[in-house]
Every structure is written in C-alpha cells, then in structure tokens.
Amino acid sequence: MIKVHTQFLSHFKELAATDEDVFELDRPLVSELATRICDRYGPRMQAVLIDPDTQELNARGTMFVDAKGRRICMADPLEDGDVITFMMGIAGG
C-alpha cells in the first residue's frame, strides 16, 4: 500500500472543498487514484476528472501533473509519497 498526496487547484479545489488530500492505494496506478478521488468527492468531481467517452483523465481544459510537472494518464504508475496536482488548464502561448 502506498500514500499519494494530491493538490487541488481552481475548480478542483471548489469541488473537493480542500486544497489537498492524501489517498492510500492498494494498486500504485493513477487509475486507482482517480477512482478513489471520485468515490470520495462524488459525481461532480467525476464529471470534471473523467472523460465519459474514453474513461481516461479528462483532457478538455484540465491538467493533471506530477511533482516534476509531467502530465499523467490512467496507466501511469505512482510511488509512495508522490504528489499529483489537479488544475484547470491555462490558455495561451
């Protein structure tokens, strides 16, 4: 079992009513983290987090990055102590 820390910014922070949380995961995958987040914060969070057509992380106007600033996807592995940030994308060049 691993612990993963999350940071919620912008709309994710509003939906979670917190700016951070910790999740214990049996399987160290982003897909399990996404499931746990949706279970904890409900259908409104799931609507923003998960693309209903692909069941992948929603790429429309959202960003999910690890502590090194890399985008993550459902199949990515996680390690104990990882920090994942959930934010709305910023338009511009």
PDB file of N, CA and C in Angstrom:
ATOM      1  N   MET A   1       0.854  -1.179   0.000  1.00  0.00           N
ATOM      2  CA  MET A   1       0.000   0.000   0.000  1.00  0.00           C
ATOM      3  C   MET A   1       0.898   1.239   0.000  1.00  0.00           C
ATOM      4  N   ILE A   2       0.511   2.227  -0.794  1.00  0.00           N
ATOM      5  CA  ILE A   2       1.267   3.476  -0.858  1.00  0.00           C
ATOM      6  C   ILE A   2       0.347   4.643  -0.512  1.00  0.00           C
ATOM      7  N   LYS A   3       0.971   5.763  -0.151  1.00  0.00           N
ATOM      8  CA  LYS A   3       0.235   7.011   0.072  1.00  0.00           C
ATOM      9  C   LYS A   3       0.620   7.996  -1.020  1.00  0.00           C
ATOM     10  N   VAL A   4      -0.412   8.606  -1.601  1.00  0.00           N
ATOM     11  CA  VAL A   4      -0.214   9.615  -2.636  1.00  0.00           C
ATOM     12  C   VAL A   4      -0.883  10.898  -2.170  1.00  0.00           C
ATOM     13  N   HIS A   5      -0.173  11.996  -2.297  1.00  0.00           N
ATOM     14  CA  HIS A   5      -0.687  13.306  -1.894  1.00  0.00           C
ATOM     15  C   HIS A   5      -1.259  14.000  -3.124  1.00  0.00           C
ATOM     16  N   THR A   6      -2.381  14.662  -2.941  1.00  0.00           N
ATOM     17  CA  THR A   6      -2.986  15.409  -4.038  1.00  0.00           C
ATOM     18  C   THR A   6      -3.078  16.879  -3.667  1.00  0.00           C
ATOM     19  N   GLN A   7      -2.922  17.710  -4.683  1.00  0.00           N
ATOM     20  CA  GLN A   7      -3.145  19.143  -4.548  1.00  0.00           C
ATOM     21  C   GLN A   7      -4.260  19.497  -5.518  1.00  0.00           C
ATOM     22  N   PHE A   8      -5.278  20.167  -5.021  1.00  0.00           N
ATOM     23  CA  PHE A   8      -6.406  20.576  -5.848  1.00  0.00           C
ATOM     24  C   PHE A   8      -6.359  22.092  -6.021  1.00  0.00           C
ATOM     25  N   LEU A   9      -6.357  22.534  -7.275  1.00  0.00           N
ATOM     26  CA  LEU A   9      -6.353  23.963  -7.579  1.00  0.00           C
ATOM     27  C   LEU A   9      -7.623  24.313  -8.351  1.00  0.00           C
ATOM     28  N   SER A  10      -7.949  25.582  -8.354  1.00  0.00           N
ATOM     29  CA  SER A  10      -9.091  26.146  -9.093  1.00  0.00           C
ATOM     30  C   SER A  10     -10.370  25.347  -8.866  1.00  0.00           C
ATOM     31  N   HIS A  11     -11.024  24.911  -9.931  1.00  0.00           N
ATOM     32  CA  HIS A  11     -12.326  24.248  -9.817  1.00  0.00           C
ATOM     33  C   HIS A  11     -12.239  22.939  -9.016  1.00  0.00           C
ATOM     34  N   PHE A  12     -11.122  22.253  -9.103  1.00  0.00           N
ATOM     35  CA  PHE A  12     -10.950  21.018  -8.322  1.00  0.00           C
ATOM     36  C   PHE A  12     -10.978  21.319  -6.828  1.00  0.00           C
ATOM     37  N   LYS A  13     -10.390  22.425  -6.449  1.00  0.00           N
ATOM     38  CA  LYS A  13     -10.408  22.837  -5.042  1.00  0.00           C
ATOM     39  C   LYS A  13     -11.835  23.129  -4.584  1.00  0.00           C
ATOM     40  N   GLU A  14     -12.616  23.766  -5.432  1.00  0.00           N
ATOM     41  CA  GLU A  14     -14.012  24.045  -5.098  1.00  0.00           C
ATOM     42  C   GLU A  14     -14.798  22.747  -4.926  1.00  0.00           C
ATOM     43  N   LEU A  15     -14.609  21.794  -5.825  1.00  0.00           N
ATOM     44  CA  LEU A  15     -15.347  20.537  -5.762  1.00  0.00           C
ATOM     45  C   LEU A  15     -14.954  19.694  -4.552  1.00  0.00           C
ATOM     46  N   ALA A  16     -13.675  19.698  -4.210  1.00  0.00           N
ATOM     47  CA  ALA A  16     -13.199  18.901  -3.088  1.00  0.00           C
ATOM     48  C   ALA A  16     -13.382  19.624  -1.756  1.00  0.00           C
ATOM     49  N   ALA A  17     -13.581  20.926  -1.797  1.00  0.00           N
ATOM     50  CA  ALA A  17     -13.678  21.763  -0.595  1.00  0.00           C
ATOM     51  C   ALA A  17     -12.425  21.657   0.262  1.00  0.00           C
ATOM     52  N   THR A  18     -11.303  21.424  -0.414  1.00  0.00           N
ATOM     53  CA  THR A  18      -9.996  21.401   0.241  1.00  0.00           C
ATOM     54  C   THR A  18      -8.939  21.608  -0.835  1.00  0.00           C
ATOM     55  N   ASP A  19      -7.760  22.029  -0.432  1.00  0.00           N
ATOM     56  CA  ASP A  19      -6.710  22.196  -1.432  1.00  0.00           C
ATOM     57  C   ASP A  19      -5.729  21.033  -1.457  1.00  0.00           C
ATOM     58  N   GLU A  20      -5.894  20.075  -0.534  1.00  0.00           N
ATOM     59  CA  GLU A  20      -5.010  18.907  -0.555  1.00  0.00           C
ATOM     60  C   GLU A  20      -5.676  17.736   0.152  1.00  0.00           C
ATOM     61  N   ASP A  21      -5.176  16.548  -0.160  1.00  0.00           N
ATOM     62  CA  ASP A  21      -5.684  15.331   0.468  1.00  0.00           C
ATOM     63  C   ASP A  21      -4.619  14.251   0.310  1.00  0.00           C
ATOM     64  N   VAL A  22      -4.798  13.159   1.032  1.00  0.00           N
ATOM     65  CA  VAL A  22      -3.892  12.016   0.952  1.00  0.00           C
ATOM     66  C   VAL A  22      -4.743  10.776   0.710  1.00  0.00           C
ATOM     67  N   PHE A  23      -4.293   9.926  -0.201  1.00  0.00           N
ATOM     68  CA  PHE A  23      -5.004   8.708  -0.529  1.00  0.00           C
ATOM     69  C   PHE A  23      -4.077   7.510  -0.360  1.00  0.00           C
ATOM     70  N   GLU A  24      -4.584   6.469   0.278  1.00  0.00           N
ATOM     71  CA  GLU A  24      -3.859   5.210   0.377  1.00  0.00           C
ATOM     72  C   GLU A  24      -4.350   4.314  -0.747  1.00  0.00           C
ATOM     73  N   LEU A  25      -3.416   3.784  -1.530  1.00  0.00           N
ATOM     74  CA  LEU A  25      -3.760   2.985  -2.699  1.00  0.00           C
ATOM     75  C   LEU A  25      -3.191   1.578  -2.574  1.00  0.00           C
ATOM     76  N   ASP A  26      -4.014   0.588  -2.927  1.00  0.00           N
ATOM     77  CA  ASP A  26      -3.549  -0.795  -2.973  1.00  0.00           C
ATOM     78  C   ASP A  26      -2.752  -1.040  -4.244  1.00  0.00           C
ATOM     79  N   ARG A  27      -3.251  -0.493  -5.351  1.00  0.00           N
ATOM     80  CA  ARG A  27      -2.552  -0.603  -6.635  1.00  0.00           C
ATOM     81  C   ARG A  27      -1.941   0.758  -6.937  1.00  0.00           C
ATOM     82  N   PRO A  28      -0.645   0.822  -7.165  1.00  0.00           N
ATOM     83  CA  PRO A  28       0.007   2.125  -7.368  1.00  0.00           C
ATOM     84  C   PRO A  28      -0.157   2.648  -8.794  1.00  0.00           C
ATOM     85  N   LEU A  29      -1.415   2.939  -9.172  1.00  0.00           N
ATOM     86  CA  LEU A  29      -1.697   3.453 -10.508  1.00  0.00           C
ATOM     87  C   LEU A  29      -2.560   4.704 -10.432  1.00  0.00           C
ATOM     88  N   VAL A  30      -2.405   5.575 -11.416  1.00  0.00           N
ATOM     89  CA  VAL A  30      -3.233   6.775 -11.495  1.00  0.00           C
ATOM     90  C   VAL A  30      -4.708   6.393 -11.580  1.00  0.00           C
ATOM     91  N   SER A  31      -5.023   5.301 -12.257  1.00  0.00           N
ATOM     92  CA  SER A  31      -6.422   4.885 -12.376  1.00  0.00           C
ATOM     93  C   SER A  31      -7.047   4.621 -11.011  1.00  0.00           C
ATOM     94  N   GLU A  32      -6.305   4.023 -10.085  1.00  0.00           N
ATOM     95  CA  GLU A  32      -6.864   3.802  -8.751  1.00  0.00           C
ATOM     96  C   GLU A  32      -7.011   5.122  -8.000  1.00  0.00           C
ATOM     97  N   LEU A  33      -6.043   6.020  -8.161  1.00  0.00           N
ATOM     98  CA  LEU A  33      -6.152   7.331  -7.526  1.00  0.00           C
ATOM     99  C   LEU A  33      -7.398   8.054  -8.035  1.00  0.00           C
ATOM    100  N   ALA A  34      -7.633   8.026  -9.337  1.00  0.00           N
ATOM    101  CA  ALA A  34      -8.809   8.686  -9.913  1.00  0.00           C
ATOM    102  C   ALA A  34     -10.093   8.083  -9.351  1.00  0.00           C
ATOM    103  N   THR A  35     -10.139   6.765  -9.228  1.00  0.00           N
ATOM    104  CA  THR A  35     -11.318   6.097  -8.665  1.00  0.00           C
ATOM    105  C   THR A  35     -11.554   6.531  -7.232  1.00  0.00           C
ATOM    106  N   ARG A  36     -10.494   6.576  -6.446  1.00  0.00           N
ATOM    107  CA  ARG A  36     -10.623   6.978  -5.039  1.00  0.00           C
ATOM    108  C   ARG A  36     -11.080   8.424  -4.909  1.00  0.00           C
ATOM    109  N   ILE A  37     -10.554   9.300  -5.753  1.00  0.00           N
ATOM    110  CA  ILE A  37     -10.960  10.709  -5.721  1.00  0.00           C
ATOM    111  C   ILE A  37     -12.450  10.828  -6.050  1.00  0.00           C
ATOM    112  N   CYS A  38     -12.888  10.133  -7.093  1.00  0.00           N
ATOM    113  CA  CYS A  38     -14.307  10.185  -7.478  1.00  0.00           C
ATOM    114  C   CYS A  38     -15.189   9.596  -6.382  1.00  0.00           C
ATOM    115  N   ASP A  39     -14.753   8.507  -5.757  1.00  0.00           N
ATOM    116  CA  ASP A  39     -15.519   7.915  -4.661  1.00  0.00           C
ATOM    117  C   ASP A  39     -15.661   8.887  -3.494  1.00  0.00           C
ATOM    118  N   ARG A  40     -14.593   9.589  -3.180  1.00  0.00           N
ATOM    119  CA  ARG A  40     -14.595  10.494  -2.031  1.00  0.00           C
ATOM    120  C   ARG A  40     -15.367  11.777  -2.296  1.00  0.00           C
ATOM    121  N   TYR A  41     -15.251  12.325  -3.506  1.00  0.00           N
ATOM    122  CA  TYR A  41     -15.811  13.650  -3.777  1.00  0.00           C
ATOM    123  C   TYR A  41     -17.036  13.660  -4.684  1.00  0.00           C
ATOM    124  N   GLY A  42     -17.461  12.512  -5.171  1.00  0.00           N
ATOM    125  CA  GLY A  42     -18.752  12.403  -5.819  1.00  0.00           C
ATOM    126  C   GLY A  42     -18.819  12.642  -7.311  1.00  0.00           C
ATOM    127  N   PRO A  43     -20.051  12.614  -7.835  1.00  0.00           N
ATOM    128  CA  PRO A  43     -20.274  12.672  -9.279  1.00  0.00           C
ATOM    129  C   PRO A  43     -19.854  13.991  -9.936  1.00  0.00           C
ATOM    130  N   ARG A  44     -19.929  15.093  -9.238  1.00  0.00           N
ATOM    131  CA  ARG A  44     -19.486  16.365  -9.844  1.00  0.00           C
ATOM    132  C   ARG A  44     -17.985  16.329 -10.088  1.00  0.00           C
ATOM    133  N   MET A  45     -17.228  15.759  -9.142  1.00  0.00           N
ATOM    134  CA  MET A  45     -15.779  15.617  -9.343  1.00  0.00           C
ATOM    135  C   MET A  45     -15.512  14.655 -10.497  1.00  0.00           C
ATOM    136  N   GLN A  46     -16.240  13.556 -10.549  1.00  0.00           N
ATOM    137  CA  GLN A  46     -16.044  12.585 -11.620  1.00  0.00           C
ATOM    138  C   GLN A  46     -16.322  13.212 -12.982  1.00  0.00           C
ATOM    139  N   ALA A  47     -17.326  14.066 -13.071  1.00  0.00           N
ATOM    140  CA  ALA A  47     -17.672  14.712 -14.332  1.00  0.00           C
ATOM    141  C   ALA A  47     -16.544  15.594 -14.851  1.00  0.00           C
ATOM    142  N   VAL A  48     -15.786  16.177 -13.958  1.00  0.00           N
ATOM    143  CA  VAL A  48     -14.663  17.031 -14.359  1.00  0.00           C
ATOM    144  C   VAL A  48     -13.395  16.203 -14.564  1.00  0.00           C
ATOM    145  N   LEU A  49     -13.219  15.181 -13.767  1.00  0.00           N
ATOM    146  CA  LEU A  49     -11.975  14.406 -13.765  1.00  0.00           C
ATOM    147  C   LEU A  49     -11.902  13.369 -14.885  1.00  0.00           C
ATOM    148  N   ILE A  50     -13.020  12.685 -15.175  1.00  0.00           N
ATOM    149  CA  ILE A  50     -13.002  11.554 -16.100  1.00  0.00           C
ATOM    150  C   ILE A  50     -13.797  11.875 -17.366  1.00  0.00           C
ATOM    151  N   ASP A  51     -13.202  11.614 -18.518  1.00  0.00           N
ATOM    152  CA  ASP A  51     -13.891  11.778 -19.793  1.00  0.00           C
ATOM    153  C   ASP A  51     -14.872  10.613 -19.941  1.00  0.00           C
ATOM    154  N   PRO A  52     -16.178  10.889 -20.052  1.00  0.00           N
ATOM    155  CA  PRO A  52     -17.157   9.799 -20.105  1.00  0.00           C
ATOM    156  C   PRO A  52     -17.052   8.940 -21.360  1.00  0.00           C
ATOM    157  N   ASP A  53     -16.482   9.469 -22.432  1.00  0.00           N
ATOM    158  CA  ASP A  53     -16.358   8.707 -23.679  1.00  0.00           C
ATOM    159  C   ASP A  53     -15.179   7.745 -23.658  1.00  0.00           C
ATOM    160  N   THR A  54     -14.069   8.169 -23.065  1.00  0.00           N
ATOM    161  CA  THR A  54     -12.848   7.353 -23.099  1.00  0.00           C
ATOM    162  C   THR A  54     -12.515   6.689 -21.764  1.00  0.00           C
ATOM    163  N   GLN A  55     -13.135   7.168 -20.687  1.00  0.00           N
ATOM    164  CA  GLN A  55     -12.821   6.716 -19.326  1.00  0.00           C
ATOM    165  C   GLN A  55     -11.370   7.014 -18.947  1.00  0.00           C
ATOM    166  N   GLU A  56     -10.765   7.950 -19.657  1.00  0.00           N
ATOM    167  CA  GLU A  56      -9.425   8.443 -19.332  1.00  0.00           C
ATOM    168  C   GLU A  56      -9.576   9.749 -18.569  1.00  0.00           C
ATOM    169  N   LEU A  57      -8.461  10.265 -18.073  1.00  0.00           N
ATOM    170  CA  LEU A  57      -8.495  11.587 -17.452  1.00  0.00           C
ATOM    171  C   LEU A  57      -8.950  12.597 -18.492  1.00  0.00           C
ATOM    172  N   ASN A  58      -9.801  13.500 -18.100  1.00  0.00           N
ATOM    173  CA  ASN A  58     -10.377  14.492 -18.995  1.00  0.00           C
ATOM    174  C   ASN A  58      -9.298  15.457 -19.474  1.00  0.00           C
ATOM    175  N   ALA A  59      -9.105  15.520 -20.764  1.00  0.00           N
ATOM    176  CA  ALA A  59      -8.084  16.412 -21.329  1.00  0.00           C
ATOM    177  C   ALA A  59      -8.666  17.748 -21.760  1.00  0.00           C
ATOM    178  N   ARG A  60      -9.961  17.925 -21.610  1.00  0.00           N
ATOM    179  CA  ARG A  60     -10.614  19.162 -22.051  1.00  0.00           C
ATOM    180  C   ARG A  60     -10.561  20.225 -20.961  1.00  0.00           C
ATOM    181  N   GLY A  61      -9.571  21.070 -21.042  1.00  0.00           N
ATOM    182  CA  GLY A  61      -9.481  22.191 -20.111  1.00  0.00           C
ATOM    183  C   GLY A  61      -8.920  21.850 -18.750  1.00  0.00           C
ATOM    184  N   THR A  62      -8.412  20.636 -18.581  1.00  0.00           N
ATOM    185  CA  THR A  62      -7.864  20.245 -17.287  1.00  0.00           C
ATOM    186  C   THR A  62      -6.432  19.769 -17.446  1.00  0.00           C
ATOM    187  N   MET A  63      -5.697  19.805 -16.348  1.00  0.00           N
ATOM    188  CA  MET A  63      -4.328  19.307 -16.338  1.00  0.00           C
ATOM    189  C   MET A  63      -4.102  18.520 -15.064  1.00  0.00           C
ATOM    190  N   PHE A  64      -3.361  17.440 -15.194  1.00  0.00           N
ATOM    191  CA  PHE A  64      -3.009  16.592 -14.067  1.00  0.00           C
ATOM    192  C   PHE A  64      -1.519  16.334 -14.186  1.00  0.00           C
ATOM    193  N   VAL A  65      -0.753  16.814 -13.234  1.00  0.00           N
ATOM    194  CA  VAL A  65       0.701  16.727 -13.353  1.00  0.00           C
ATOM    195  C   VAL A  65       1.315  16.162 -12.075  1.00  0.00           C
ATOM    196  N   ASP A  66       2.469  15.510 -12.263  1.00  0.00           N
ATOM    197  CA  ASP A  66       3.197  15.011 -11.104  1.00  0.00           C
ATOM    198  C   ASP A  66       4.108  16.117 -10.567  1.00  0.00           C
ATOM    199  N   ALA A  67       4.883  15.807  -9.553  1.00  0.00           N
ATOM    200  CA  ALA A  67       5.722  16.816  -8.901  1.00  0.00           C
ATOM    201  C   ALA A  67       6.797  17.379  -9.826  1.00  0.00           C
ATOM    202  N   LYS A  68       7.094  16.689 -10.921  1.00  0.00           N
ATOM    203  CA  LYS A  68       8.090  17.166 -11.878  1.00  0.00           C
ATOM    204  C   LYS A  68       7.453  17.935 -13.032  1.00  0.00           C
ATOM    205  N   GLY A  69       6.125  18.158 -12.952  1.00  0.00           N
ATOM    206  CA  GLY A  69       5.434  18.921 -13.979  1.00  0.00           C
ATOM    207  C   GLY A  69       5.052  18.113 -15.207  1.00  0.00           C
ATOM    208  N   ARG A  70       5.153  16.790 -15.130  1.00  0.00           N
ATOM    209  CA  ARG A  70       4.790  15.934 -16.262  1.00  0.00           C
ATOM    210  C   ARG A  70       3.312  15.582 -16.193  1.00  0.00           C
ATOM    211  N   ARG A  71       2.654  15.602 -17.357  1.00  0.00           N
ATOM    212  CA  ARG A  71       1.260  15.166 -17.425  1.00  0.00           C
ATOM    213  C   ARG A  71       1.190  13.682 -17.101  1.00  0.00           C
ATOM    214  N   ILE A  72       0.103  13.290 -16.464  1.00  0.00           N
ATOM    215  CA  ILE A  72      -0.083  11.887 -16.129  1.00  0.00           C
ATOM    216  C   ILE A  72      -1.292  11.332 -16.874  1.00  0.00           C
ATOM    217  N   CYS A  73      -1.354  10.010 -16.987  1.00  0.00           N
ATOM    218  CA  CYS A  73      -2.517   9.349 -17.574  1.00  0.00           C
ATOM    219  C   CYS A  73      -2.880   8.146 -16.707  1.00  0.00           C
ATOM    220  N   MET A  74      -4.023   7.544 -16.975  1.00  0.00           N
ATOM    221  CA  MET A  74      -4.570   6.490 -16.128  1.00  0.00           C
ATOM    222  C   MET A  74      -3.610   5.320 -15.909  1.00  0.00           C
ATOM    223  N   ALA A  75      -2.837   4.957 -16.904  1.00  0.00           N
ATOM    224  CA  ALA A  75      -1.971   3.775 -16.804  1.00  0.00           C
ATOM    225  C   ALA A  75      -0.651   4.050 -16.088  1.00  0.00           C
ATOM    226  N   ASP A  76      -0.365   5.312 -15.774  1.00  0.00           N
ATOM    227  CA  ASP A  76       0.923   5.646 -15.147  1.00  0.00           C
ATOM    228  C   ASP A  76       1.024   5.079 -13.735  1.00  0.00           C
ATOM    229  N   PRO A  77       2.205   4.565 -13.396  1.00  0.00           N
ATOM    230  CA  PRO A  77       2.426   4.077 -12.030  1.00  0.00           C
ATOM    231  C   PRO A  77       2.689   5.241 -11.076  1.00  0.00           C
ATOM    232  N   LEU A  78       2.390   5.022  -9.817  1.00  0.00           N
ATOM    233  CA  LEU A  78       2.653   6.001  -8.763  1.00  0.00           C
ATOM    234  C   LEU A  78       3.573   5.378  -7.733  1.00  0.00           C
ATOM    235  N   GLU A  79       4.306   6.221  -7.033  1.00  0.00           N
ATOM    236  CA  GLU A  79       5.188   5.752  -5.978  1.00  0.00           C
ATOM    237  C   GLU A  79       4.763   6.363  -4.657  1.00  0.00           C
ATOM    238  N   ASP A  80       5.125   5.704  -3.580  1.00  0.00           N
ATOM    239  CA  ASP A  80       4.805   6.195  -2.251  1.00  0.00           C
ATOM    240  C   ASP A  80       5.334   7.617  -2.078  1.00  0.00           C
ATOM    241  N   GLY A  81       4.467   8.513  -1.640  1.00  0.00           N
ATOM    242  CA  GLY A  81       4.857   9.894  -1.399  1.00  0.00           C
ATOM    243  C   GLY A  81       4.702  10.819  -2.596  1.00  0.00           C
ATOM    244  N   ASP A  82       4.306  10.287  -3.761  1.00  0.00           N
ATOM    245  CA  ASP A  82       4.112  11.142  -4.933  1.00  0.00           C
ATOM    246  C   ASP A  82       3.092  12.242  -4.631  1.00  0.00           C
ATOM    247  N   VAL A  83       3.273  13.374  -5.288  1.00  0.00           N
ATOM    248  CA  VAL A  83       2.331  14.484  -5.202  1.00  0.00           C
ATOM    249  C   VAL A  83       1.778  14.723  -6.605  1.00  0.00           C
ATOM    250  N   ILE A  84       0.454  14.656  -6.727  1.00  0.00           N
ATOM    251  CA  ILE A  84      -0.213  14.880  -8.007  1.00  0.00           C
ATOM    252  C   ILE A  84      -1.082  16.122  -7.876  1.00  0.00           C
ATOM    253  N   THR A  85      -0.942  17.032  -8.840  1.00  0.00           N
ATOM    254  CA  THR A  85      -1.698  18.283  -8.827  1.00  0.00           C
ATOM    255  C   THR A  85      -2.789  18.241  -9.880  1.00  0.00           C
ATOM    256  N   PHE A  86      -3.980  18.653  -9.483  1.00  0.00           N
ATOM    257  CA  PHE A  86      -5.144  18.698 -10.357  1.00  0.00           C
ATOM    258  C   PHE A  86      -5.518  20.167 -10.541  1.00  0.00           C
ATOM    259  N   MET A  87      -5.538  20.622 -11.819  1.00  0.00           N
ATOM    260  CA  MET A  87      -5.812  22.033 -12.081  1.00  0.00           C
ATOM    261  C   MET A  87      -6.505  22.201 -13.417  1.00  0.00           C
ATOM    262  N   MET A  88      -7.073  23.348 -13.597  1.00  0.00           N
ATOM    263  CA  MET A  88      -7.660  23.702 -14.881  1.00  0.00           C
ATOM    264  C   MET A  88      -6.548  24.255 -15.759  1.00  0.00           C
ATOM    265  N   GLY A  89      -6.574  23.901 -17.049  1.00  0.00           N
ATOM    266  CA  GLY A  89      -5.559  24.373 -17.973  1.00  0.00           C
ATOM    267  C   GLY A  89      -5.669  25.871 -18.205  1.00  0.00           C
ATOM    268  N   ILE A  90      -4.554  26.465 -18.508  1.00  0.00           N
ATOM    269  CA  ILE A  90      -4.499  27.899 -18.759  1.00  0.00           C
ATOM    270  C   ILE A  90      -4.236  28.104 -20.250  1.00  0.00           C
ATOM    271  N   ALA A  91      -5.090  28.857 -20.900  1.00  0.00           N
ATOM    272  CA  ALA A  91      -4.921  29.099 -22.338  1.00  0.00           C
ATOM    273  C   ALA A  91      -3.811  30.107 -22.561  1.00  0.00           C
ATOM    274  N   GLY A  92      -3.193  29.987 -23.694  1.00  0.00           N
ATOM    275  CA  GLY A  92      -2.160  30.955 -24.044  1.00  0.00           C
ATOM    276  C   GLY A  92      -0.973  30.284 -24.692  1.00  0.00           C
ATOM    277  N   GLY A  93      -0.003  31.083 -25.061  1.00  0.00           N
ATOM    278  CA  GLY A  93       1.139  30.549 -25.798  1.00  0.00           C
ATOM    279  C   GLY A  93       2.333  30.634 -25.067  1.00  0.00           C
TER     280      GLY A  93
END
